[in-house]
Every structure is written in C-alpha cells, then in structure tokens.
Amino acid sequence: MTQVYFHCSNSKEELVDSCGTVVEDLAEARDRAASVVRSLTMGRSIEDWRSWVLHVIDDLGEELFVVPFAFVLGRPH
C-alpha cells in the first residue's frame, strides 16, 4: 500500500491534492486517477478541461504517471 496524490494542472493553474489516497498498486492508482478526472469534469463548470493533466505523485514526491484529461474524456483537443 502506498499514499498517492492527484495533482491537476494546465498551463495557467494547478489544483493540489493535499490529502492523497492510499492505493494497493498502480492499477488502483490508475483507476482512481480516471475517477478524479471524471469527478472534476462532471461538475457544473464552464471550464474546458481538455487541456488539463492529472499528475499521480507518490509519498516521496516522485511522479508515477500522468493522465491527460482528454484521454479520459475521449475528446481531442
């Protein structure tokens, strides 16, 4: 089990996950990352999320992988 953080950014802003989530493995981290993206984009916002990227960071501050929102949303830029 490891603590991971899901930070989101685009060229102008950054949303920092200060709490994190405990996951069993990278597969669970990947599934949780997709869930975070869907959760953020489902809100009633005028934000165009396609330029955003989710960064999955471990408890040592190392980036494990990134997930472009457009990849999860299935919409090209």
PDB file of N, CA and C in Angstrom:
ATOM      1  N   MET A   1       0.850  -1.178   0.000  1.00  0.00           N
ATOM      2  CA  MET A   1       0.000   0.000   0.000  1.00  0.00           C
ATOM      3  C   MET A   1       0.891   1.235   0.000  1.00  0.00           C
ATOM      4  N   THR A   2       0.445   2.217  -0.742  1.00  0.00           N
ATOM      5  CA  THR A   2       1.200   3.459  -0.799  1.00  0.00           C
ATOM      6  C   THR A   2       0.251   4.644  -0.895  1.00  0.00           C
ATOM      7  N   GLN A   3       0.686   5.755  -0.382  1.00  0.00           N
ATOM      8  CA  GLN A   3      -0.082   7.002  -0.456  1.00  0.00           C
ATOM      9  C   GLN A   3       0.258   7.689  -1.768  1.00  0.00           C
ATOM     10  N   VAL A   4      -0.766   8.072  -2.516  1.00  0.00           N
ATOM     11  CA  VAL A   4      -0.550   8.808  -3.756  1.00  0.00           C
ATOM     12  C   VAL A   4      -1.394  10.079  -3.736  1.00  0.00           C
ATOM     13  N   TYR A   5      -0.928  11.047  -4.497  1.00  0.00           N
ATOM     14  CA  TYR A   5      -1.589  12.345  -4.583  1.00  0.00           C
ATOM     15  C   TYR A   5      -1.933  12.614  -6.041  1.00  0.00           C
ATOM     16  N   PHE A   6      -3.067  13.258  -6.244  1.00  0.00           N
ATOM     17  CA  PHE A   6      -3.559  13.524  -7.590  1.00  0.00           C
ATOM     18  C   PHE A   6      -3.596  15.036  -7.822  1.00  0.00           C
ATOM     19  N   HIS A   7      -2.508  15.565  -8.365  1.00  0.00           N
ATOM     20  CA  HIS A   7      -2.415  16.993  -8.658  1.00  0.00           C
ATOM     21  C   HIS A   7      -2.847  17.217 -10.102  1.00  0.00           C
ATOM     22  N   CYS A   8      -3.608  18.267 -10.328  1.00  0.00           N
ATOM     23  CA  CYS A   8      -4.101  18.580 -11.668  1.00  0.00           C
ATOM     24  C   CYS A   8      -3.550  19.938 -12.086  1.00  0.00           C
ATOM     25  N   SER A   9      -3.218  20.054 -13.369  1.00  0.00           N
ATOM     26  CA  SER A   9      -2.698  21.333 -13.837  1.00  0.00           C
ATOM     27  C   SER A   9      -3.003  21.541 -15.312  1.00  0.00           C
ATOM     28  N   ASN A  10      -2.984  22.817 -15.680  1.00  0.00           N
ATOM     29  CA  ASN A  10      -2.959  23.207 -17.082  1.00  0.00           C
ATOM     30  C   ASN A  10      -1.881  24.285 -17.178  1.00  0.00           C
ATOM     31  N   SER A  11      -1.808  25.013 -18.240  1.00  0.00           N
ATOM     32  CA  SER A  11      -0.735  25.987 -18.394  1.00  0.00           C
ATOM     33  C   SER A  11      -0.884  27.205 -17.488  1.00  0.00           C
ATOM     34  N   LYS A  12      -2.065  27.375 -16.860  1.00  0.00           N
ATOM     35  CA  LYS A  12      -2.318  28.563 -16.043  1.00  0.00           C
ATOM     36  C   LYS A  12      -2.581  28.273 -14.570  1.00  0.00           C
ATOM     37  N   GLU A  13      -3.042  27.077 -14.262  1.00  0.00           N
ATOM     38  CA  GLU A  13      -3.479  26.764 -12.903  1.00  0.00           C
ATOM     39  C   GLU A  13      -2.977  25.411 -12.439  1.00  0.00           C
ATOM     40  N   GLU A  14      -3.040  25.228 -11.115  1.00  0.00           N
ATOM     41  CA  GLU A  14      -2.709  23.936 -10.523  1.00  0.00           C
ATOM     42  C   GLU A  14      -3.658  23.675  -9.360  1.00  0.00           C
ATOM     43  N   LEU A  15      -4.210  22.490  -9.313  1.00  0.00           N
ATOM     44  CA  LEU A  15      -5.025  22.040  -8.195  1.00  0.00           C
ATOM     45  C   LEU A  15      -4.220  20.981  -7.455  1.00  0.00           C
ATOM     46  N   VAL A  16      -3.900  21.252  -6.192  1.00  0.00           N
ATOM     47  CA  VAL A  16      -3.039  20.368  -5.418  1.00  0.00           C
ATOM     48  C   VAL A  16      -3.869  19.519  -4.474  1.00  0.00           C
ATOM     49  N   ASP A  17      -3.644  18.230  -4.520  1.00  0.00           N
ATOM     50  CA  ASP A  17      -4.283  17.272  -3.624  1.00  0.00           C
ATOM     51  C   ASP A  17      -3.420  17.177  -2.373  1.00  0.00           C
ATOM     52  N   SER A  18      -3.847  17.791  -1.295  1.00  0.00           N
ATOM     53  CA  SER A  18      -3.045  17.786  -0.066  1.00  0.00           C
ATOM     54  C   SER A  18      -3.340  16.587   0.829  1.00  0.00           C
ATOM     55  N   CYS A  19      -4.410  15.853   0.548  1.00  0.00           N
ATOM     56  CA  CYS A  19      -4.788  14.705   1.386  1.00  0.00           C
ATOM     57  C   CYS A  19      -4.245  13.382   0.859  1.00  0.00           C
ATOM     58  N   GLY A  20      -4.352  13.181  -0.436  1.00  0.00           N
ATOM     59  CA  GLY A  20      -3.903  11.924  -1.019  1.00  0.00           C
ATOM     60  C   GLY A  20      -4.857  10.784  -0.744  1.00  0.00           C
ATOM     61  N   THR A  21      -4.498   9.623  -1.281  1.00  0.00           N
ATOM     62  CA  THR A  21      -5.304   8.413  -1.164  1.00  0.00           C
ATOM     63  C   THR A  21      -4.364   7.216  -1.059  1.00  0.00           C
ATOM     64  N   VAL A  22      -4.713   6.265  -0.235  1.00  0.00           N
ATOM     65  CA  VAL A  22      -3.934   5.033  -0.130  1.00  0.00           C
ATOM     66  C   VAL A  22      -4.426   4.059  -1.193  1.00  0.00           C
ATOM     67  N   VAL A  23      -3.483   3.521  -1.981  1.00  0.00           N
ATOM     68  CA  VAL A  23      -3.828   2.545  -3.018  1.00  0.00           C
ATOM     69  C   VAL A  23      -2.966   1.298  -2.846  1.00  0.00           C
ATOM     70  N   GLU A  24      -3.476   0.197  -3.353  1.00  0.00           N
ATOM     71  CA  GLU A  24      -2.759  -1.077  -3.273  1.00  0.00           C
ATOM     72  C   GLU A  24      -1.635  -1.172  -4.301  1.00  0.00           C
ATOM     73  N   ASP A  25      -1.905  -0.659  -5.529  1.00  0.00           N
ATOM     74  CA  ASP A  25      -0.942  -0.810  -6.615  1.00  0.00           C
ATOM     75  C   ASP A  25      -1.191   0.239  -7.691  1.00  0.00           C
ATOM     76  N   LEU A  26      -0.395   0.190  -8.752  1.00  0.00           N
ATOM     77  CA  LEU A  26      -0.533   1.161  -9.837  1.00  0.00           C
ATOM     78  C   LEU A  26      -1.868   1.038 -10.566  1.00  0.00           C
ATOM     79  N   ALA A  27      -2.405  -0.158 -10.648  1.00  0.00           N
ATOM     80  CA  ALA A  27      -3.702  -0.341 -11.301  1.00  0.00           C
ATOM     81  C   ALA A  27      -4.794   0.408 -10.536  1.00  0.00           C
ATOM     82  N   GLU A  28      -4.755   0.310  -9.229  1.00  0.00           N
ATOM     83  CA  GLU A  28      -5.746   1.033  -8.424  1.00  0.00           C
ATOM     84  C   GLU A  28      -5.520   2.539  -8.535  1.00  0.00           C
ATOM     85  N   ALA A  29      -4.275   2.966  -8.577  1.00  0.00           N
ATOM     86  CA  ALA A  29      -3.967   4.388  -8.745  1.00  0.00           C
ATOM     87  C   ALA A  29      -4.493   4.889 -10.084  1.00  0.00           C
ATOM     88  N   ARG A  30      -4.351   4.091 -11.131  1.00  0.00           N
ATOM     89  CA  ARG A  30      -4.844   4.457 -12.465  1.00  0.00           C
ATOM     90  C   ARG A  30      -6.359   4.591 -12.454  1.00  0.00           C
ATOM     91  N   ASP A  31      -7.039   3.636 -11.841  1.00  0.00           N
ATOM     92  CA  ASP A  31      -8.495   3.683 -11.774  1.00  0.00           C
ATOM     93  C   ASP A  31      -8.974   4.898 -10.978  1.00  0.00           C
ATOM     94  N   ARG A  32      -8.294   5.176  -9.888  1.00  0.00           N
ATOM     95  CA  ARG A  32      -8.647   6.335  -9.054  1.00  0.00           C
ATOM     96  C   ARG A  32      -8.389   7.634  -9.821  1.00  0.00           C
ATOM     97  N   ALA A  33      -7.313   7.682 -10.600  1.00  0.00           N
ATOM     98  CA  ALA A  33      -6.994   8.868 -11.403  1.00  0.00           C
ATOM     99  C   ALA A  33      -8.117   9.149 -12.397  1.00  0.00           C
ATOM    100  N   ALA A  34      -8.590   8.117 -13.071  1.00  0.00           N
ATOM    101  CA  ALA A  34      -9.689   8.290 -14.021  1.00  0.00           C
ATOM    102  C   ALA A  34     -10.944   8.772 -13.299  1.00  0.00           C
ATOM    103  N   SER A  35     -11.170   8.267 -12.107  1.00  0.00           N
ATOM    104  CA  SER A  35     -12.325   8.694 -11.315  1.00  0.00           C
ATOM    105  C   SER A  35     -12.217  10.166 -10.924  1.00  0.00           C
ATOM    106  N   VAL A  36     -11.031  10.605 -10.556  1.00  0.00           N
ATOM    107  CA  VAL A  36     -10.810  12.015 -10.202  1.00  0.00           C
ATOM    108  C   VAL A  36     -11.108  12.904 -11.399  1.00  0.00           C
ATOM    109  N   VAL A  37     -10.615  12.525 -12.566  1.00  0.00           N
ATOM    110  CA  VAL A  37     -10.862  13.308 -13.786  1.00  0.00           C
ATOM    111  C   VAL A  37     -12.357  13.392 -14.060  1.00  0.00           C
ATOM    112  N   ARG A  38     -13.038  12.266 -14.016  1.00  0.00           N
ATOM    113  CA  ARG A  38     -14.483  12.268 -14.279  1.00  0.00           C
ATOM    114  C   ARG A  38     -15.227  13.122 -13.252  1.00  0.00           C
ATOM    115  N   SER A  39     -14.832  13.040 -12.007  1.00  0.00           N
ATOM    116  CA  SER A  39     -15.479  13.808 -10.949  1.00  0.00           C
ATOM    117  C   SER A  39     -15.326  15.318 -11.178  1.00  0.00           C
ATOM    118  N   LEU A  40     -14.130  15.744 -11.525  1.00  0.00           N
ATOM    119  CA  LEU A  40     -13.903  17.169 -11.763  1.00  0.00           C
ATOM    120  C   LEU A  40     -14.659  17.683 -12.976  1.00  0.00           C
ATOM    121  N   THR A  41     -14.730  16.892 -14.014  1.00  0.00           N
ATOM    122  CA  THR A  41     -15.343  17.354 -15.255  1.00  0.00           C
ATOM    123  C   THR A  41     -16.856  17.250 -15.255  1.00  0.00           C
ATOM    124  N   MET A  42     -17.437  16.504 -14.339  1.00  0.00           N
ATOM    125  CA  MET A  42     -18.887  16.345 -14.281  1.00  0.00           C
ATOM    126  C   MET A  42     -19.574  17.512 -13.577  1.00  0.00           C
ATOM    127  N   GLY A  43     -18.809  18.329 -12.867  1.00  0.00           N
ATOM    128  CA  GLY A  43     -19.399  19.464 -12.160  1.00  0.00           C
ATOM    129  C   GLY A  43     -19.986  20.483 -13.117  1.00  0.00           C
ATOM    130  N   ARG A  44     -20.804  21.350 -12.604  1.00  0.00           N
ATOM    131  CA  ARG A  44     -21.431  22.388 -13.426  1.00  0.00           C
ATOM    132  C   ARG A  44     -20.469  23.554 -13.577  1.00  0.00           C
ATOM    133  N   SER A  45     -19.509  23.355 -14.427  1.00  0.00           N
ATOM    134  CA  SER A  45     -18.464  24.355 -14.638  1.00  0.00           C
ATOM    135  C   SER A  45     -18.360  24.671 -16.120  1.00  0.00           C
ATOM    136  N   ILE A  46     -17.982  25.897 -16.414  1.00  0.00           N
ATOM    137  CA  ILE A  46     -17.756  26.265 -17.810  1.00  0.00           C
ATOM    138  C   ILE A  46     -16.315  25.972 -18.222  1.00  0.00           C
ATOM    139  N   GLU A  47     -15.541  25.445 -17.302  1.00  0.00           N
ATOM    140  CA  GLU A  47     -14.136  25.120 -17.558  1.00  0.00           C
ATOM    141  C   GLU A  47     -14.001  24.123 -18.707  1.00  0.00           C
ATOM    142  N   ASP A  48     -13.088  24.409 -19.625  1.00  0.00           N
ATOM    143  CA  ASP A  48     -12.751  23.455 -20.679  1.00  0.00           C
ATOM    144  C   ASP A  48     -11.590  22.623 -20.136  1.00  0.00           C
ATOM    145  N   TRP A  49     -11.873  21.421 -19.727  1.00  0.00           N
ATOM    146  CA  TRP A  49     -10.905  20.578 -19.029  1.00  0.00           C
ATOM    147  C   TRP A  49      -9.936  19.856 -19.962  1.00  0.00           C
ATOM    148  N   ARG A  50     -10.140  19.948 -21.271  1.00  0.00           N
ATOM    149  CA  ARG A  50      -9.329  19.154 -22.198  1.00  0.00           C
ATOM    150  C   ARG A  50      -7.844  19.471 -22.150  1.00  0.00           C
ATOM    151  N   SER A  51      -7.471  20.651 -21.694  1.00  0.00           N
ATOM    152  CA  SER A  51      -6.043  20.996 -21.626  1.00  0.00           C
ATOM    153  C   SER A  51      -5.405  20.613 -20.287  1.00  0.00           C
ATOM    154  N   TRP A  52      -6.177  20.082 -19.382  1.00  0.00           N
ATOM    155  CA  TRP A  52      -5.673  19.710 -18.058  1.00  0.00           C
ATOM    156  C   TRP A  52      -4.990  18.343 -18.087  1.00  0.00           C
ATOM    157  N   VAL A  53      -4.077  18.165 -17.135  1.00  0.00           N
ATOM    158  CA  VAL A  53      -3.358  16.906 -16.955  1.00  0.00           C
ATOM    159  C   VAL A  53      -3.382  16.560 -15.469  1.00  0.00           C
ATOM    160  N   LEU A  54      -3.603  15.298 -15.162  1.00  0.00           N
ATOM    161  CA  LEU A  54      -3.555  14.826 -13.779  1.00  0.00           C
ATOM    162  C   LEU A  54      -2.205  14.157 -13.557  1.00  0.00           C
ATOM    163  N   HIS A  55      -1.495  14.587 -12.510  1.00  0.00           N
ATOM    164  CA  HIS A  55      -0.184  14.043 -12.163  1.00  0.00           C
ATOM    165  C   HIS A  55      -0.360  13.165 -10.931  1.00  0.00           C
ATOM    166  N   VAL A  56       0.028  11.908 -11.028  1.00  0.00           N
ATOM    167  CA  VAL A  56      -0.054  10.999  -9.885  1.00  0.00           C
ATOM    168  C   VAL A  56       1.326  10.943  -9.242  1.00  0.00           C
ATOM    169  N   ILE A  57       1.378  11.381  -7.980  1.00  0.00           N
ATOM    170  CA  ILE A  57       2.630  11.554  -7.241  1.00  0.00           C
ATOM    171  C   ILE A  57       2.634  10.612  -6.041  1.00  0.00           C
ATOM    172  N   ASP A  58       3.768   9.961  -5.791  1.00  0.00           N
ATOM    173  CA  ASP A  58       3.829   9.077  -4.623  1.00  0.00           C
ATOM    174  C   ASP A  58       4.196   9.860  -3.365  1.00  0.00           C
ATOM    175  N   ASP A  59       4.260   9.166  -2.235  1.00  0.00           N
ATOM    176  CA  ASP A  59       4.517   9.832  -0.950  1.00  0.00           C
ATOM    177  C   ASP A  59       5.939  10.365  -0.818  1.00  0.00           C
ATOM    178  N   LEU A  60       6.815  10.032  -1.761  1.00  0.00           N
ATOM    179  CA  LEU A  60       8.182  10.578  -1.777  1.00  0.00           C
ATOM    180  C   LEU A  60       8.299  11.775  -2.713  1.00  0.00           C
ATOM    181  N   GLY A  61       7.190  12.148  -3.344  1.00  0.00           N
ATOM    182  CA  GLY A  61       7.188  13.284  -4.250  1.00  0.00           C
ATOM    183  C   GLY A  61       7.566  12.949  -5.681  1.00  0.00           C
ATOM    184  N   GLU A  62       7.680  11.662  -5.989  1.00  0.00           N
ATOM    185  CA  GLU A  62       8.037  11.231  -7.341  1.00  0.00           C
ATOM    186  C   GLU A  62       6.778  11.072  -8.189  1.00  0.00           C
ATOM    187  N   GLU A  63       6.836  11.571  -9.412  1.00  0.00           N
ATOM    188  CA  GLU A  63       5.710  11.413 -10.319  1.00  0.00           C
ATOM    189  C   GLU A  63       5.688   9.987 -10.852  1.00  0.00           C
ATOM    190  N   LEU A  64       4.575   9.300 -10.639  1.00  0.00           N
ATOM    191  CA  LEU A  64       4.435   7.924 -11.102  1.00  0.00           C
ATOM    192  C   LEU A  64       3.971   7.878 -12.556  1.00  0.00           C
ATOM    193  N   PHE A  65       2.974   8.697 -12.883  1.00  0.00           N
ATOM    194  CA  PHE A  65       2.485   8.794 -14.257  1.00  0.00           C
ATOM    195  C   PHE A  65       1.579  10.005 -14.364  1.00  0.00           C
ATOM    196  N   VAL A  66       1.252  10.366 -15.598  1.00  0.00           N
ATOM    197  CA  VAL A  66       0.328  11.470 -15.858  1.00  0.00           C
ATOM    198  C   VAL A  66      -0.843  10.953 -16.688  1.00  0.00           C
ATOM    199  N   VAL A  67      -1.979  11.607 -16.517  1.00  0.00           N
ATOM    200  CA  VAL A  67      -3.175  11.242 -17.274  1.00  0.00           C
ATOM    201  C   VAL A  67      -3.757  12.522 -17.878  1.00  0.00           C
ATOM    202  N   PRO A  68      -3.634  12.699 -19.176  1.00  0.00           N
ATOM    203  CA  PRO A  68      -4.291  13.855 -19.799  1.00  0.00           C
ATOM    204  C   PRO A  68      -5.807  13.716 -19.671  1.00  0.00           C
ATOM    205  N   PHE A  69      -6.481  14.780 -19.264  1.00  0.00           N
ATOM    206  CA  PHE A  69      -7.932  14.728 -19.126  1.00  0.00           C
ATOM    207  C   PHE A  69      -8.575  14.316 -20.446  1.00  0.00           C
ATOM    208  N   ALA A  70      -8.049  14.809 -21.564  1.00  0.00           N
ATOM    209  CA  ALA A  70      -8.620  14.480 -22.881  1.00  0.00           C
ATOM    210  C   ALA A  70      -8.617  12.975 -23.122  1.00  0.00           C
ATOM    211  N   PHE A  71      -7.637  12.266 -22.582  1.00  0.00           N
ATOM    212  CA  PHE A  71      -7.577  10.818 -22.728  1.00  0.00           C
ATOM    213  C   PHE A  71      -8.764  10.157 -22.032  1.00  0.00           C
ATOM    214  N   VAL A  72      -9.081  10.610 -20.832  1.00  0.00           N
ATOM    215  CA  VAL A  72     -10.194  10.032 -20.076  1.00  0.00           C
ATOM    216  C   VAL A  72     -11.530  10.457 -20.666  1.00  0.00           C
ATOM    217  N   LEU A  73     -11.599  11.717 -21.089  1.00  0.00           N
ATOM    218  CA  LEU A  73     -12.854  12.255 -21.618  1.00  0.00           C
ATOM    219  C   LEU A  73     -13.168  11.748 -23.010  1.00  0.00           C
ATOM    220  N   GLY A  74     -12.144  11.272 -23.728  1.00  0.00           N
ATOM    221  CA  GLY A  74     -12.367  10.760 -25.056  1.00  0.00           C
ATOM    222  C   GLY A  74     -12.615  11.835 -26.094  1.00  0.00           C
ATOM    223  N   ARG A  75     -12.207  13.059 -25.774  1.00  0.00           N
ATOM    224  CA  ARG A  75     -12.383  14.156 -26.728  1.00  0.00           C
ATOM    225  C   ARG A  75     -11.024  14.728 -27.098  1.00  0.00           C
ATOM    226  N   PRO A  76     -10.753  14.918 -28.350  1.00  0.00           N
ATOM    227  CA  PRO A  76      -9.485  15.515 -28.762  1.00  0.00           C
ATOM    228  C   PRO A  76      -9.442  16.992 -28.417  1.00  0.00           C
ATOM    229  N   HIS A  77      -8.217  17.541 -28.398  1.00  0.00           N
ATOM    230  CA  HIS A  77      -8.050  18.999 -28.149  1.00  0.00           C
ATOM    231  C   HIS A  77      -8.744  19.805 -29.182  1.00  0.00           C
TER     232      HIS A  77
END
